[in-house]
Each structure stands twice: as C-alpha cells, then as structure tokens.
Amino acid sequence: MVTFGSDQYVWHSAGAQSHAEPDNPPVASQVGLNQGAKVTLPRCSVTVLRGKVQDMELRG
C-alpha cells in the first residue's frame, strides 16, 4: 500500500490558486489481509493498493 496524504503535504488555501505543497515522500507499507478484511484509508489521501483478489464474485 502506498499512501500520499495530509501527513505528507500542507494545503495552501488561496481560492483558484489553492494548492498542495509536498513536504514528505509517499509512505509505503505492506498489509496482509484475509477474506472479508476492511482497509481504513487516511482522509484526504491518494492510496494505491496492489495485490491479488481470489474467489471474488463479480456483481453488476
């Protein structure tokens, strides 16, 4: 899991010129999940989860 969130940047509110100022690199970590597990994502973040999904039923 790689996360870039509010711990890694400061938001500058300036109307149409608002922007994030990166301060730290994204945080990389490994998570082991079992079937039915839930992942809590940090607020105001971009998070990438990579892995394999097994025994998944597609609904649509």
N, C-alpha and C. Protein backbone atom coordinates (compact mmCIF):
# COMPACT_ATOMS: atom_id res chain seq x y z
N MET A 1 0.85 -1.15 0.00
CA MET A 1 0.00 0.00 0.00
C MET A 1 0.91 1.22 0.00
N VAL A 2 0.63 2.15 -0.87
CA VAL A 2 1.37 3.41 -0.93
C VAL A 2 0.36 4.54 -0.71
N THR A 3 0.66 5.42 0.25
CA THR A 3 -0.26 6.50 0.59
C THR A 3 0.44 7.85 0.54
N PHE A 4 -0.24 8.80 -0.08
CA PHE A 4 0.20 10.20 -0.07
C PHE A 4 -0.97 10.97 0.52
N GLY A 5 -0.83 11.39 1.78
CA GLY A 5 -1.94 12.03 2.47
C GLY A 5 -1.53 13.30 3.18
N SER A 6 -2.41 13.74 4.07
CA SER A 6 -2.20 15.03 4.74
C SER A 6 -0.96 15.05 5.63
N ASP A 7 -0.42 13.89 6.00
CA ASP A 7 0.85 13.86 6.74
C ASP A 7 2.04 14.15 5.83
N GLN A 8 1.82 14.08 4.50
CA GLN A 8 2.91 14.28 3.56
C GLN A 8 2.84 15.62 2.84
N TYR A 9 1.80 16.40 3.08
CA TYR A 9 1.73 17.69 2.40
C TYR A 9 0.97 18.70 3.26
N VAL A 10 1.12 19.96 2.90
CA VAL A 10 0.39 21.06 3.53
C VAL A 10 -0.47 21.70 2.44
N TRP A 11 -1.75 21.93 2.75
CA TRP A 11 -2.66 22.55 1.79
C TRP A 11 -2.66 24.06 2.00
N HIS A 12 -2.46 24.80 0.90
CA HIS A 12 -2.50 26.26 0.93
C HIS A 12 -3.78 26.72 0.26
N SER A 13 -4.70 27.27 1.05
CA SER A 13 -5.98 27.71 0.53
C SER A 13 -5.85 29.14 0.02
N ALA A 14 -6.03 29.30 -1.30
CA ALA A 14 -5.89 30.62 -1.92
C ALA A 14 -6.86 30.76 -3.08
N GLY A 15 -8.12 30.37 -2.84
CA GLY A 15 -9.12 30.46 -3.91
C GLY A 15 -8.76 29.61 -5.10
N ALA A 16 -8.80 30.21 -6.29
CA ALA A 16 -8.49 29.48 -7.52
C ALA A 16 -7.03 29.06 -7.59
N GLN A 17 -6.18 29.65 -6.77
CA GLN A 17 -4.75 29.32 -6.76
C GLN A 17 -4.39 28.34 -5.63
N SER A 18 -5.39 27.71 -5.00
CA SER A 18 -5.14 26.74 -3.92
C SER A 18 -4.28 25.59 -4.43
N HIS A 19 -3.39 25.09 -3.58
CA HIS A 19 -2.51 24.00 -4.00
C HIS A 19 -1.92 23.28 -2.79
N ALA A 20 -1.45 22.07 -3.07
CA ALA A 20 -0.74 21.29 -2.05
C ALA A 20 0.75 21.52 -2.21
N GLU A 21 1.44 21.59 -1.08
CA GLU A 21 2.89 21.72 -1.10
C GLU A 21 3.47 20.46 -0.47
N PRO A 22 3.99 19.55 -1.31
CA PRO A 22 4.55 18.32 -0.77
C PRO A 22 5.68 18.62 0.22
N ASP A 23 5.68 17.87 1.30
CA ASP A 23 6.71 18.05 2.32
C ASP A 23 7.46 16.76 2.58
N ASN A 24 6.80 15.64 2.39
CA ASN A 24 7.39 14.33 2.64
C ASN A 24 7.03 13.38 1.50
N PRO A 25 7.82 12.34 1.29
CA PRO A 25 7.50 11.37 0.22
C PRO A 25 6.31 10.50 0.62
N PRO A 26 5.69 9.83 -0.34
CA PRO A 26 4.60 8.90 -0.02
C PRO A 26 5.10 7.82 0.95
N VAL A 27 4.19 7.26 1.72
CA VAL A 27 4.51 6.22 2.69
C VAL A 27 4.16 4.86 2.08
N ALA A 28 5.13 3.95 2.07
CA ALA A 28 4.90 2.60 1.56
C ALA A 28 4.86 1.62 2.73
N SER A 29 3.90 0.70 2.66
CA SER A 29 3.80 -0.32 3.71
C SER A 29 3.21 -1.58 3.11
N GLN A 30 3.39 -2.69 3.82
CA GLN A 30 2.81 -3.95 3.39
C GLN A 30 1.72 -4.32 4.37
N VAL A 31 0.61 -4.78 3.83
CA VAL A 31 -0.50 -5.21 4.66
C VAL A 31 -0.92 -6.61 4.25
N GLY A 32 -1.19 -7.43 5.22
CA GLY A 32 -1.69 -8.77 4.96
C GLY A 32 -3.18 -8.79 5.29
N LEU A 33 -4.00 -9.12 4.31
CA LEU A 33 -5.44 -9.10 4.52
C LEU A 33 -6.04 -10.46 4.27
N ASN A 34 -7.00 -10.81 5.08
CA ASN A 34 -7.75 -12.05 4.89
C ASN A 34 -9.08 -11.72 4.24
N GLN A 35 -9.77 -12.75 3.78
CA GLN A 35 -11.07 -12.56 3.15
C GLN A 35 -12.00 -11.80 4.09
N GLY A 36 -12.68 -10.80 3.56
CA GLY A 36 -13.62 -10.02 4.34
C GLY A 36 -12.99 -8.88 5.12
N ALA A 37 -11.67 -8.74 5.03
CA ALA A 37 -10.98 -7.68 5.77
C ALA A 37 -11.33 -6.32 5.19
N LYS A 38 -11.29 -5.31 6.04
CA LYS A 38 -11.55 -3.94 5.61
C LYS A 38 -10.27 -3.13 5.76
N VAL A 39 -10.09 -2.19 4.86
CA VAL A 39 -8.94 -1.29 4.90
C VAL A 39 -9.46 0.11 5.19
N THR A 40 -8.90 0.75 6.20
CA THR A 40 -9.27 2.13 6.51
C THR A 40 -8.23 3.05 5.87
N LEU A 41 -8.71 3.93 5.00
CA LEU A 41 -7.82 4.84 4.28
C LEU A 41 -7.72 6.17 5.02
N PRO A 42 -6.54 6.78 5.02
CA PRO A 42 -6.39 8.10 5.63
C PRO A 42 -7.25 9.13 4.89
N ARG A 43 -7.82 10.07 5.63
CA ARG A 43 -8.64 11.09 4.98
C ARG A 43 -7.75 11.98 4.13
N CYS A 44 -8.33 12.55 3.10
CA CYS A 44 -7.61 13.47 2.20
C CYS A 44 -6.34 12.84 1.66
N SER A 45 -6.42 11.63 1.15
CA SER A 45 -5.22 10.95 0.67
C SER A 45 -5.47 10.30 -0.68
N VAL A 46 -4.37 9.98 -1.33
CA VAL A 46 -4.38 9.13 -2.52
C VAL A 46 -3.66 7.87 -2.09
N THR A 47 -4.34 6.73 -2.20
CA THR A 47 -3.79 5.46 -1.74
C THR A 47 -3.86 4.43 -2.85
N VAL A 48 -2.78 3.71 -3.05
CA VAL A 48 -2.72 2.65 -4.06
C VAL A 48 -2.56 1.32 -3.34
N LEU A 49 -3.51 0.40 -3.60
CA LEU A 49 -3.43 -0.96 -3.07
C LEU A 49 -3.13 -1.88 -4.24
N ARG A 50 -2.16 -2.76 -4.06
CA ARG A 50 -1.82 -3.72 -5.10
C ARG A 50 -1.90 -5.11 -4.52
N GLY A 51 -2.34 -6.05 -5.32
CA GLY A 51 -2.40 -7.42 -4.84
C GLY A 51 -3.27 -8.28 -5.72
N LYS A 52 -3.56 -9.47 -5.23
CA LYS A 52 -4.39 -10.42 -5.96
C LYS A 52 -5.69 -10.60 -5.21
N VAL A 53 -6.77 -10.69 -5.97
CA VAL A 53 -8.08 -10.95 -5.39
C VAL A 53 -8.47 -12.37 -5.79
N GLN A 54 -8.76 -13.18 -4.80
CA GLN A 54 -9.12 -14.57 -5.06
C GLN A 54 -10.58 -14.80 -4.69
N ASP A 55 -11.20 -15.74 -5.39
CA ASP A 55 -12.58 -16.15 -5.09
C ASP A 55 -13.52 -14.97 -5.01
N MET A 56 -13.41 -14.06 -5.96
CA MET A 56 -14.26 -12.89 -5.96
C MET A 56 -15.41 -13.09 -6.95
N GLU A 57 -16.62 -12.82 -6.49
CA GLU A 57 -17.79 -12.91 -7.33
C GLU A 57 -18.09 -11.54 -7.90
N LEU A 58 -18.14 -11.42 -9.21
CA LEU A 58 -18.42 -10.14 -9.84
C LEU A 58 -19.91 -9.88 -9.83
N ARG A 59 -20.27 -8.69 -9.41
CA ARG A 59 -21.68 -8.29 -9.39
C ARG A 59 -21.84 -7.07 -10.27
N GLY A 60 -22.94 -6.99 -10.94
CA GLY A 60 -23.10 -5.81 -11.77
C GLY A 60 -24.34 -5.80 -12.45
